[in-house]
Amino acid sequence: MKKKLATLTIEVPYKRAGNVISQHPVTFDLYQDGETYILMPQLHGPELAVANLPTELCFVIENEKPLSLRGIKDGNLHVIQDALGKLKEEGLLLGCKKGEH
């Protein structure tokens, strides 16, 4: 069963006309379903395309590092890594037992 863990905002690159890329804040909901974590951007339709994001970014934690379920060549792995960095800043570490930091 999917359980909501957090809501967080991170900067994501948007591609605009003329191949101009700029950073924009995107809010994500983070869920856990068993050993799998799911980041869901709070964007819809065209905004997802401009941000080059799928509706869900699914990953697991292995050896204290995120592993995208889309494989090692996932072009959105940086979003997962940035989200985990934000969670660490906020003291919400994933994949670690209490007392491990």
PDB file of N, CA and C in Angstrom:
ATOM      1  N   MET A   1       0.839  -1.186   0.000  1.00  0.00           N
ATOM      2  CA  MET A   1       0.000   0.000   0.000  1.00  0.00           C
ATOM      3  C   MET A   1       0.880   1.245   0.000  1.00  0.00           C
ATOM      4  N   LYS A   2       0.552   2.190  -0.828  1.00  0.00           N
ATOM      5  CA  LYS A   2       1.335   3.409  -0.984  1.00  0.00           C
ATOM      6  C   LYS A   2       1.082   4.343   0.200  1.00  0.00           C
ATOM      7  N   LYS A   3       2.188   4.829   0.799  1.00  0.00           N
ATOM      8  CA  LYS A   3       2.107   5.728   1.948  1.00  0.00           C
ATOM      9  C   LYS A   3       2.845   7.028   1.617  1.00  0.00           C
ATOM     10  N   LYS A   4       2.177   8.171   1.839  1.00  0.00           N
ATOM     11  CA  LYS A   4       2.807   9.460   1.570  1.00  0.00           C
ATOM     12  C   LYS A   4       3.800   9.782   2.679  1.00  0.00           C
ATOM     13  N   LEU A   5       5.031  10.121   2.275  1.00  0.00           N
ATOM     14  CA  LEU A   5       6.100  10.432   3.225  1.00  0.00           C
ATOM     15  C   LEU A   5       6.360  11.928   3.361  1.00  0.00           C
ATOM     16  N   ALA A   6       6.263  12.648   2.258  1.00  0.00           N
ATOM     17  CA  ALA A   6       6.637  14.071   2.298  1.00  0.00           C
ATOM     18  C   ALA A   6       6.179  14.787   1.036  1.00  0.00           C
ATOM     19  N   THR A   7       6.173  16.108   1.125  1.00  0.00           N
ATOM     20  CA  THR A   7       6.003  16.985  -0.026  1.00  0.00           C
ATOM     21  C   THR A   7       7.201  17.913  -0.027  1.00  0.00           C
ATOM     22  N   LEU A   8       7.867  18.024  -1.180  1.00  0.00           N
ATOM     23  CA  LEU A   8       9.056  18.857  -1.246  1.00  0.00           C
ATOM     24  C   LEU A   8       9.126  19.568  -2.586  1.00  0.00           C
ATOM     25  N   THR A   9       9.875  20.667  -2.603  1.00  0.00           N
ATOM     26  CA  THR A   9      10.050  21.450  -3.826  1.00  0.00           C
ATOM     27  C   THR A   9      11.532  21.507  -4.161  1.00  0.00           C
ATOM     28  N   ILE A  10      11.843  21.173  -5.409  1.00  0.00           N
ATOM     29  CA  ILE A  10      13.232  21.241  -5.880  1.00  0.00           C
ATOM     30  C   ILE A  10      13.260  21.939  -7.236  1.00  0.00           C
ATOM     31  N   GLU A  11      14.425  22.421  -7.603  1.00  0.00           N
ATOM     32  CA  GLU A  11      14.630  23.072  -8.900  1.00  0.00           C
ATOM     33  C   GLU A  11      14.806  22.001  -9.974  1.00  0.00           C
ATOM     34  N   VAL A  12      14.085  22.181 -11.088  1.00  0.00           N
ATOM     35  CA  VAL A  12      14.133  21.239 -12.207  1.00  0.00           C
ATOM     36  C   VAL A  12      14.376  22.040 -13.476  1.00  0.00           C
ATOM     37  N   PRO A  13      15.244  21.535 -14.372  1.00  0.00           N
ATOM     38  CA  PRO A  13      15.479  22.265 -15.623  1.00  0.00           C
ATOM     39  C   PRO A  13      14.274  22.192 -16.553  1.00  0.00           C
ATOM     40  N   TYR A  14      13.883  23.342 -17.075  1.00  0.00           N
ATOM     41  CA  TYR A  14      12.817  23.451 -18.086  1.00  0.00           C
ATOM     42  C   TYR A  14      13.475  23.848 -19.391  1.00  0.00           C
ATOM     43  N   LYS A  15      13.067  23.219 -20.479  1.00  0.00           N
ATOM     44  CA  LYS A  15      13.594  23.577 -21.788  1.00  0.00           C
ATOM     45  C   LYS A  15      12.586  24.481 -22.487  1.00  0.00           C
ATOM     46  N   ARG A  16      13.029  25.665 -22.841  1.00  0.00           N
ATOM     47  CA  ARG A  16      12.170  26.664 -23.494  1.00  0.00           C
ATOM     48  C   ARG A  16      12.549  26.803 -24.968  1.00  0.00           C
ATOM     49  N   ALA A  17      11.822  27.628 -25.661  1.00  0.00           N
ATOM     50  CA  ALA A  17      12.092  27.882 -27.078  1.00  0.00           C
ATOM     51  C   ALA A  17      13.537  28.331 -27.260  1.00  0.00           C
ATOM     52  N   GLY A  18      14.140  27.923 -28.347  1.00  0.00           N
ATOM     53  CA  GLY A  18      15.516  28.287 -28.634  1.00  0.00           C
ATOM     54  C   GLY A  18      16.505  27.468 -27.819  1.00  0.00           C
ATOM     55  N   ASN A  19      16.053  26.327 -27.306  1.00  0.00           N
ATOM     56  CA  ASN A  19      16.887  25.436 -26.479  1.00  0.00           C
ATOM     57  C   ASN A  19      17.444  26.115 -25.242  1.00  0.00           C
ATOM     58  N   VAL A  20      16.720  27.102 -24.724  1.00  0.00           N
ATOM     59  CA  VAL A  20      17.114  27.780 -23.494  1.00  0.00           C
ATOM     60  C   VAL A  20      16.638  26.927 -22.318  1.00  0.00           C
ATOM     61  N   ILE A  21      17.553  26.621 -21.425  1.00  0.00           N
ATOM     62  CA  ILE A  21      17.220  25.813 -20.251  1.00  0.00           C
ATOM     63  C   ILE A  21      17.347  26.676 -19.012  1.00  0.00           C
ATOM     64  N   SER A  22      16.311  26.668 -18.202  1.00  0.00           N
ATOM     65  CA  SER A  22      16.342  27.425 -16.949  1.00  0.00           C
ATOM     66  C   SER A  22      15.754  26.560 -15.843  1.00  0.00           C
ATOM     67  N   GLN A  23      16.131  26.873 -14.615  1.00  0.00           N
ATOM     68  CA  GLN A  23      15.670  26.111 -13.449  1.00  0.00           C
ATOM     69  C   GLN A  23      14.358  26.698 -12.931  1.00  0.00           C
ATOM     70  N   HIS A  24      13.412  25.814 -12.633  1.00  0.00           N
ATOM     71  CA  HIS A  24      12.127  26.227 -12.074  1.00  0.00           C
ATOM     72  C   HIS A  24      11.781  25.323 -10.898  1.00  0.00           C
ATOM     73  N   PRO A  25      11.175  25.880  -9.860  1.00  0.00           N
ATOM     74  CA  PRO A  25      10.771  25.055  -8.726  1.00  0.00           C
ATOM     75  C   PRO A  25       9.586  24.160  -9.095  1.00  0.00           C
ATOM     76  N   VAL A  26       9.700  22.895  -8.738  1.00  0.00           N
ATOM     77  CA  VAL A  26       8.618  21.933  -8.957  1.00  0.00           C
ATOM     78  C   VAL A  26       8.350  21.231  -7.631  1.00  0.00           C
ATOM     79  N   THR A  27       7.089  21.117  -7.273  1.00  0.00           N
ATOM     80  CA  THR A  27       6.700  20.436  -6.049  1.00  0.00           C
ATOM     81  C   THR A  27       6.410  18.967  -6.363  1.00  0.00           C
ATOM     82  N   PHE A  28       6.923  18.108  -5.519  1.00  0.00           N
ATOM     83  CA  PHE A  28       6.742  16.662  -5.658  1.00  0.00           C
ATOM     84  C   PHE A  28       6.124  16.115  -4.378  1.00  0.00           C
ATOM     85  N   ASP A  29       5.295  15.093  -4.533  1.00  0.00           N
ATOM     86  CA  ASP A  29       4.872  14.280  -3.401  1.00  0.00           C
ATOM     87  C   ASP A  29       5.710  13.016  -3.436  1.00  0.00           C
ATOM     88  N   LEU A  30       6.184  12.601  -2.271  1.00  0.00           N
ATOM     89  CA  LEU A  30       6.993  11.394  -2.160  1.00  0.00           C
ATOM     90  C   LEU A  30       6.185  10.331  -1.443  1.00  0.00           C
ATOM     91  N   TYR A  31       6.105   9.157  -2.063  1.00  0.00           N
ATOM     92  CA  TYR A  31       5.385   8.022  -1.502  1.00  0.00           C
ATOM     93  C   TYR A  31       6.335   6.837  -1.354  1.00  0.00           C
ATOM     94  N   GLN A  32       5.959   5.907  -0.492  1.00  0.00           N
ATOM     95  CA  GLN A  32       6.678   4.647  -0.361  1.00  0.00           C
ATOM     96  C   GLN A  32       5.673   3.520  -0.525  1.00  0.00           C
ATOM     97  N   ASP A  33       6.049   2.540  -1.328  1.00  0.00           N
ATOM     98  CA  ASP A  33       5.231   1.348  -1.536  1.00  0.00           C
ATOM     99  C   ASP A  33       6.156   0.157  -1.380  1.00  0.00           C
ATOM    100  N   GLY A  34       6.205  -0.409  -0.183  1.00  0.00           N
ATOM    101  CA  GLY A  34       7.162  -1.478   0.111  1.00  0.00           C
ATOM    102  C   GLY A  34       8.567  -0.913   0.093  1.00  0.00           C
ATOM    103  N   GLU A  35       9.428  -1.482  -0.728  1.00  0.00           N
ATOM    104  CA  GLU A  35      10.809  -1.017  -0.848  1.00  0.00           C
ATOM    105  C   GLU A  35      10.981   0.060  -1.922  1.00  0.00           C
ATOM    106  N   THR A  36       9.905   0.351  -2.639  1.00  0.00           N
ATOM    107  CA  THR A  36       9.958   1.305  -3.745  1.00  0.00           C
ATOM    108  C   THR A  36       9.486   2.685  -3.296  1.00  0.00           C
ATOM    109  N   TYR A  37      10.213   3.709  -3.743  1.00  0.00           N
ATOM    110  CA  TYR A  37       9.837   5.098  -3.496  1.00  0.00           C
ATOM    111  C   TYR A  37       9.323   5.686  -4.801  1.00  0.00           C
ATOM    112  N   ILE A  38       8.336   6.567  -4.705  1.00  0.00           N
ATOM    113  CA  ILE A  38       7.718   7.162  -5.880  1.00  0.00           C
ATOM    114  C   ILE A  38       7.654   8.676  -5.702  1.00  0.00           C
ATOM    115  N   LEU A  39       8.315   9.396  -6.599  1.00  0.00           N
ATOM    116  CA  LEU A  39       8.238  10.860  -6.636  1.00  0.00           C
ATOM    117  C   LEU A  39       7.220  11.233  -7.700  1.00  0.00           C
ATOM    118  N   MET A  40       6.206  11.993  -7.300  1.00  0.00           N
ATOM    119  CA  MET A  40       5.173  12.399  -8.250  1.00  0.00           C
ATOM    120  C   MET A  40       5.163  13.918  -8.391  1.00  0.00           C
ATOM    121  N   PRO A  41       5.595  14.431  -9.551  1.00  0.00           N
ATOM    122  CA  PRO A  41       5.585  15.879  -9.752  1.00  0.00           C
ATOM    123  C   PRO A  41       4.160  16.401  -9.780  1.00  0.00           C
ATOM    124  N   GLN A  42       3.965  17.556  -9.191  1.00  0.00           N
ATOM    125  CA  GLN A  42       2.640  18.183  -9.167  1.00  0.00           C
ATOM    126  C   GLN A  42       2.500  19.100 -10.379  1.00  0.00           C
ATOM    127  N   LEU A  43       2.724  18.515 -11.540  1.00  0.00           N
ATOM    128  CA  LEU A  43       2.574  19.191 -12.829  1.00  0.00           C
ATOM    129  C   LEU A  43       1.610  18.376 -13.677  1.00  0.00           C
ATOM    130  N   HIS A  44       1.018  19.007 -14.672  1.00  0.00           N
ATOM    131  CA  HIS A  44       0.068  18.308 -15.516  1.00  0.00           C
ATOM    132  C   HIS A  44       0.291  18.659 -16.976  1.00  0.00           C
ATOM    133  N   GLY A  45      -0.042  17.727 -17.838  1.00  0.00           N
ATOM    134  CA  GLY A  45      -0.038  17.927 -19.279  1.00  0.00           C
ATOM    135  C   GLY A  45       1.214  18.549 -19.842  1.00  0.00           C
ATOM    136  N   PRO A  46       1.071  19.724 -20.492  1.00  0.00           N
ATOM    137  CA  PRO A  46       2.198  20.351 -21.174  1.00  0.00           C
ATOM    138  C   PRO A  46       3.371  20.678 -20.238  1.00  0.00           C
ATOM    139  N   GLU A  47       3.058  21.004 -18.969  1.00  0.00           N
ATOM    140  CA  GLU A  47       4.141  21.325 -18.034  1.00  0.00           C
ATOM    141  C   GLU A  47       5.068  20.132 -17.822  1.00  0.00           C
ATOM    142  N   LEU A  48       4.513  18.921 -17.784  1.00  0.00           N
ATOM    143  CA  LEU A  48       5.345  17.720 -17.656  1.00  0.00           C
ATOM    144  C   LEU A  48       6.293  17.603 -18.845  1.00  0.00           C
ATOM    145  N   ALA A  49       5.790  17.881 -20.029  1.00  0.00           N
ATOM    146  CA  ALA A  49       6.620  17.783 -21.237  1.00  0.00           C
ATOM    147  C   ALA A  49       7.727  18.822 -21.226  1.00  0.00           C
ATOM    148  N   VAL A  50       7.406  20.061 -20.843  1.00  0.00           N
ATOM    149  CA  VAL A  50       8.405  21.129 -20.813  1.00  0.00           C
ATOM    150  C   VAL A  50       9.496  20.805 -19.789  1.00  0.00           C
ATOM    151  N   ALA A  51       9.097  20.211 -18.668  1.00  0.00           N
ATOM    152  CA  ALA A  51      10.066  19.840 -17.623  1.00  0.00           C
ATOM    153  C   ALA A  51      10.718  18.497 -17.915  1.00  0.00           C
ATOM    154  N   ASN A  52      10.267  17.825 -18.978  1.00  0.00           N
ATOM    155  CA  ASN A  52      10.787  16.508 -19.353  1.00  0.00           C
ATOM    156  C   ASN A  52      10.679  15.516 -18.188  1.00  0.00           C
ATOM    157  N   LEU A  53       9.517  15.500 -17.542  1.00  0.00           N
ATOM    158  CA  LEU A  53       9.282  14.604 -16.409  1.00  0.00           C
ATOM    159  C   LEU A  53       8.162  13.630 -16.717  1.00  0.00           C
ATOM    160  N   PRO A  54       8.313  12.372 -16.253  1.00  0.00           N
ATOM    161  CA  PRO A  54       7.189  11.441 -16.330  1.00  0.00           C
ATOM    162  C   PRO A  54       6.218  11.737 -15.186  1.00  0.00           C
ATOM    163  N   THR A  55       5.088  11.059 -15.167  1.00  0.00           N
ATOM    164  CA  THR A  55       4.118  11.277 -14.092  1.00  0.00           C
ATOM    165  C   THR A  55       4.615  10.710 -12.768  1.00  0.00           C
ATOM    166  N   GLU A  56       5.543   9.745 -12.830  1.00  0.00           N
ATOM    167  CA  GLU A  56       6.133   9.152 -11.622  1.00  0.00           C
ATOM    168  C   GLU A  56       7.606   8.856 -11.853  1.00  0.00           C
ATOM    169  N   LEU A  57       8.407   9.098 -10.827  1.00  0.00           N
ATOM    170  CA  LEU A  57       9.813   8.691 -10.824  1.00  0.00           C
ATOM    171  C   LEU A  57       9.935   7.639  -9.731  1.00  0.00           C
ATOM    172  N   CYS A  58      10.149   6.396 -10.112  1.00  0.00           N
ATOM    173  CA  CYS A  58      10.206   5.290  -9.155  1.00  0.00           C
ATOM    174  C   CYS A  58      11.658   4.871  -8.935  1.00  0.00           C
ATOM    175  N   PHE A  59      12.000   4.625  -7.667  1.00  0.00           N
ATOM    176  CA  PHE A  59      13.366   4.245  -7.342  1.00  0.00           C
ATOM    177  C   PHE A  59      13.401   3.435  -6.053  1.00  0.00           C
ATOM    178  N   VAL A  60      14.536   2.782  -5.838  1.00  0.00           N
ATOM    179  CA  VAL A  60      14.815   2.077  -4.591  1.00  0.00           C
ATOM    180  C   VAL A  60      16.121   2.632  -4.045  1.00  0.00           C
ATOM    181  N   ILE A  61      16.381   2.353  -2.792  1.00  0.00           N
ATOM    182  CA  ILE A  61      17.645   2.745  -2.175  1.00  0.00           C
ATOM    183  C   ILE A  61      18.498   1.492  -2.025  1.00  0.00           C
ATOM    184  N   GLU A  62      19.678   1.508  -2.633  1.00  0.00           N
ATOM    185  CA  GLU A  62      20.625   0.400  -2.504  1.00  0.00           C
ATOM    186  C   GLU A  62      21.971   0.971  -2.108  1.00  0.00           C
ATOM    187  N   ASN A  63      22.549   0.427  -1.054  1.00  0.00           N
ATOM    188  CA  ASN A  63      23.828   0.918  -0.546  1.00  0.00           C
ATOM    189  C   ASN A  63      23.785   2.422  -0.297  1.00  0.00           C
ATOM    190  N   GLU A  64      22.660   2.877   0.260  1.00  0.00           N
ATOM    191  CA  GLU A  64      22.436   4.278   0.615  1.00  0.00           C
ATOM    192  C   GLU A  64      22.415   5.221  -0.588  1.00  0.00           C
ATOM    193  N   LYS A  65      22.187   4.677  -1.799  1.00  0.00           N
ATOM    194  CA  LYS A  65      22.117   5.490  -3.012  1.00  0.00           C
ATOM    195  C   LYS A  65      20.847   5.156  -3.776  1.00  0.00           C
ATOM    196  N   PRO A  66      20.269   6.159  -4.459  1.00  0.00           N
ATOM    197  CA  PRO A  66      19.060   5.879  -5.229  1.00  0.00           C
ATOM    198  C   PRO A  66      19.369   5.129  -6.514  1.00  0.00           C
ATOM    199  N   LEU A  67      18.506   4.192  -6.846  1.00  0.00           N
ATOM    200  CA  LEU A  67      18.612   3.433  -8.083  1.00  0.00           C
ATOM    201  C   LEU A  67      17.264   3.527  -8.787  1.00  0.00           C
ATOM    202  N   SER A  68      17.236   4.244  -9.914  1.00  0.00           N
ATOM    203  CA  SER A  68      16.000   4.429 -10.663  1.00  0.00           C
ATOM    204  C   SER A  68      15.529   3.096 -11.217  1.00  0.00           C
ATOM    205  N   LEU A  69      14.247   2.857 -11.149  1.00  0.00           N
ATOM    206  CA  LEU A  69      13.694   1.636 -11.727  1.00  0.00           C
ATOM    207  C   LEU A  69      13.645   1.702 -13.247  1.00  0.00           C
ATOM    208  N   ARG A  70      13.960   2.866 -13.804  1.00  0.00           N
ATOM    209  CA  ARG A  70      14.048   3.019 -15.263  1.00  0.00           C
ATOM    210  C   ARG A  70      15.443   2.649 -15.769  1.00  0.00           C
ATOM    211  N   GLY A  71      16.366   2.353 -14.867  1.00  0.00           N
ATOM    212  CA  GLY A  71      17.711   1.943 -15.264  1.00  0.00           C
ATOM    213  C   GLY A  71      18.748   3.018 -15.022  1.00  0.00           C
ATOM    214  N   ILE A  72      20.004   2.653 -15.215  1.00  0.00           N
ATOM    215  CA  ILE A  72      21.105   3.561 -14.896  1.00  0.00           C
ATOM    216  C   ILE A  72      21.202   4.743 -15.860  1.00  0.00           C
ATOM    217  N   LYS A  73      20.556   4.649 -17.010  1.00  0.00           N
ATOM    218  CA  LYS A  73      20.608   5.752 -17.978  1.00  0.00           C
ATOM    219  C   LYS A  73      19.380   6.653 -17.882  1.00  0.00           C
ATOM    220  N   ASP A  74      18.677   6.598 -16.751  1.00  0.00           N
ATOM    221  CA  ASP A  74      17.498   7.440 -16.552  1.00  0.00           C
ATOM    222  C   ASP A  74      17.912   8.908 -16.581  1.00  0.00           C
ATOM    223  N   GLY A  75      17.386   9.656 -17.532  1.00  0.00           N
ATOM    224  CA  GLY A  75      17.722  11.075 -17.671  1.00  0.00           C
ATOM    225  C   GLY A  75      17.198  11.935 -16.537  1.00  0.00           C
ATOM    226  N   ASN A  76      16.341  11.374 -15.690  1.00  0.00           N
ATOM    227  CA  ASN A  76      15.797  12.122 -14.566  1.00  0.00           C
ATOM    228  C   ASN A  76      16.395  11.703 -13.230  1.00  0.00           C
ATOM    229  N   LEU A  77      17.467  10.922 -13.249  1.00  0.00           N
ATOM    230  CA  LEU A  77      18.104  10.498 -12.004  1.00  0.00           C
ATOM    231  C   LEU A  77      18.535  11.699 -11.173  1.00  0.00           C
ATOM    232  N   HIS A  78      18.939  12.786 -11.831  1.00  0.00           N
ATOM    233  CA  HIS A  78      19.352  13.994 -11.101  1.00  0.00           C
ATOM    234  C   HIS A  78      18.211  14.550 -10.261  1.00  0.00           C
ATOM    235  N   VAL A  79      16.970  14.393 -10.722  1.00  0.00           N
ATOM    236  CA  VAL A  79      15.809  14.866  -9.956  1.00  0.00           C
ATOM    237  C   VAL A  79      15.669  14.032  -8.685  1.00  0.00           C
ATOM    238  N   ILE A  80      15.828  12.719  -8.819  1.00  0.00           N
ATOM    239  CA  ILE A  80      15.757  11.824  -7.658  1.00  0.00           C
ATOM    240  C   ILE A  80      16.866  12.173  -6.674  1.00  0.00           C
ATOM    241  N   GLN A  81      18.072  12.364  -7.183  1.00  0.00           N
ATOM    242  CA  GLN A  81      19.211  12.700  -6.318  1.00  0.00           C
ATOM    243  C   GLN A  81      18.993  14.033  -5.612  1.00  0.00           C
ATOM    244  N   ASP A  82      18.484  15.028  -6.336  1.00  0.00           N
ATOM    245  CA  ASP A  82      18.211  16.334  -5.730  1.00  0.00           C
ATOM    246  C   ASP A  82      17.134  16.229  -4.653  1.00  0.00           C
ATOM    247  N   ALA A  83      16.111  15.417  -4.906  1.00  0.00           N
ATOM    248  CA  ALA A  83      15.043  15.225  -3.920  1.00  0.00           C
ATOM    249  C   ALA A  83      15.599  14.577  -2.658  1.00  0.00           C
ATOM    250  N   LEU A  84      16.461  13.579  -2.817  1.00  0.00           N
ATOM    251  CA  LEU A  84      17.062  12.937  -1.645  1.00  0.00           C
ATOM    252  C   LEU A  84      17.959  13.908  -0.890  1.00  0.00           C
ATOM    253  N   GLY A  85      18.689  14.757  -1.619  1.00  0.00           N
ATOM    254  CA  GLY A  85      19.523  15.771  -0.974  1.00  0.00           C
ATOM    255  C   GLY A  85      18.676  16.718  -0.143  1.00  0.00           C
ATOM    256  N   LYS A  86      17.522  17.108  -0.679  1.00  0.00           N
ATOM    257  CA  LYS A  86      16.600  17.991   0.041  1.00  0.00           C
ATOM    258  C   LYS A  86      16.065  17.306   1.297  1.00  0.00           C
ATOM    259  N   LEU A  87      15.743  16.021   1.187  1.00  0.00           N
ATOM    260  CA  LEU A  87      15.257  15.272   2.348  1.00  0.00           C
ATOM    261  C   LEU A  87      16.331  15.166   3.427  1.00  0.00           C
ATOM    262  N   LYS A  88      17.576  14.994   3.000  1.00  0.00           N
ATOM    263  CA  LYS A  88      18.675  14.939   3.974  1.00  0.00           C
ATOM    264  C   LYS A  88      18.827  16.270   4.689  1.00  0.00           C
ATOM    265  N   GLU A  89      18.702  17.384   3.928  1.00  0.00           N
ATOM    266  CA  GLU A  89      18.771  18.718   4.528  1.00  0.00           C
ATOM    267  C   GLU A  89      17.691  18.890   5.593  1.00  0.00           C
ATOM    268  N   GLU A  90      16.526  18.310   5.331  1.00  0.00           N
ATOM    269  CA  GLU A  90      15.394  18.443   6.243  1.00  0.00           C
ATOM    270  C   GLU A  90      15.398  17.376   7.344  1.00  0.00           C
ATOM    271  N   GLY A  91      16.421  16.521   7.338  1.00  0.00           N
ATOM    272  CA  GLY A  91      16.528  15.495   8.371  1.00  0.00           C
ATOM    273  C   GLY A  91      15.656  14.281   8.136  1.00  0.00           C
ATOM    274  N   LEU A  92      15.164  14.109   6.925  1.00  0.00           N
ATOM    275  CA  LEU A  92      14.327  12.954   6.583  1.00  0.00           C
ATOM    276  C   LEU A  92      15.107  12.034   5.649  1.00  0.00           C
ATOM    277  N   LEU A  93      15.981  11.232   6.205  1.00  0.00           N
ATOM    278  CA  LEU A  93      16.818  10.355   5.391  1.00  0.00           C
ATOM    279  C   LEU A  93      16.072   9.093   5.016  1.00  0.00           C
ATOM    280  N   LEU A  94      16.212   8.660   3.764  1.00  0.00           N
ATOM    281  CA  LEU A  94      15.605   7.425   3.311  1.00  0.00           C
ATOM    282  C   LEU A  94      16.654   6.323   3.285  1.00  0.00           C
ATOM    283  N   GLY A  95      16.235   5.104   3.544  1.00  0.00           N
ATOM    284  CA  GLY A  95      17.128   3.971   3.430  1.00  0.00           C
ATOM    285  C   GLY A  95      18.108   3.844   4.580  1.00  0.00           C
ATOM    286  N   CYS A  96      17.936   4.595   5.648  1.00  0.00           N
ATOM    287  CA  CYS A  96      18.803   4.523   6.818  1.00  0.00           C
ATOM    288  C   CYS A  96      17.962   4.217   8.045  1.00  0.00           C
ATOM    289  N   LYS A  97      18.517   3.459   8.932  1.00  0.00           N
ATOM    290  CA  LYS A  97      17.833   3.181  10.192  1.00  0.00           C
ATOM    291  C   LYS A  97      18.037   4.353  11.142  1.00  0.00           C
ATOM    292  N   LYS A  98      17.188   4.458  12.150  1.00  0.00           N
ATOM    293  CA  LYS A  98      17.337   5.529  13.132  1.00  0.00           C
ATOM    294  C   LYS A  98      18.743   5.496  13.706  1.00  0.00           C
ATOM    295  N   GLY A  99      19.327   6.669  13.836  1.00  0.00           N
ATOM    296  CA  GLY A  99      20.668   6.773  14.402  1.00  0.00           C
ATOM    297  C   GLY A  99      21.771   6.766  13.368  1.00  0.00           C
ATOM    298  N   GLU A 100      21.466   6.317  12.132  1.00  0.00           N
ATOM    299  CA  GLU A 100      22.479   6.329  11.070  1.00  0.00           C
ATOM    300  C   GLU A 100      22.358   7.637  10.288  1.00  0.00           C
ATOM    301  N   HIS A 101      23.423   8.409  10.220  1.00  0.00           N
ATOM    302  CA  HIS A 101      23.412   9.643   9.420  1.00  0.00           C
ATOM    303  C   HIS A 101      24.765   9.840   8.828  1.00  0.00           C
TER     304      HIS A 101
END
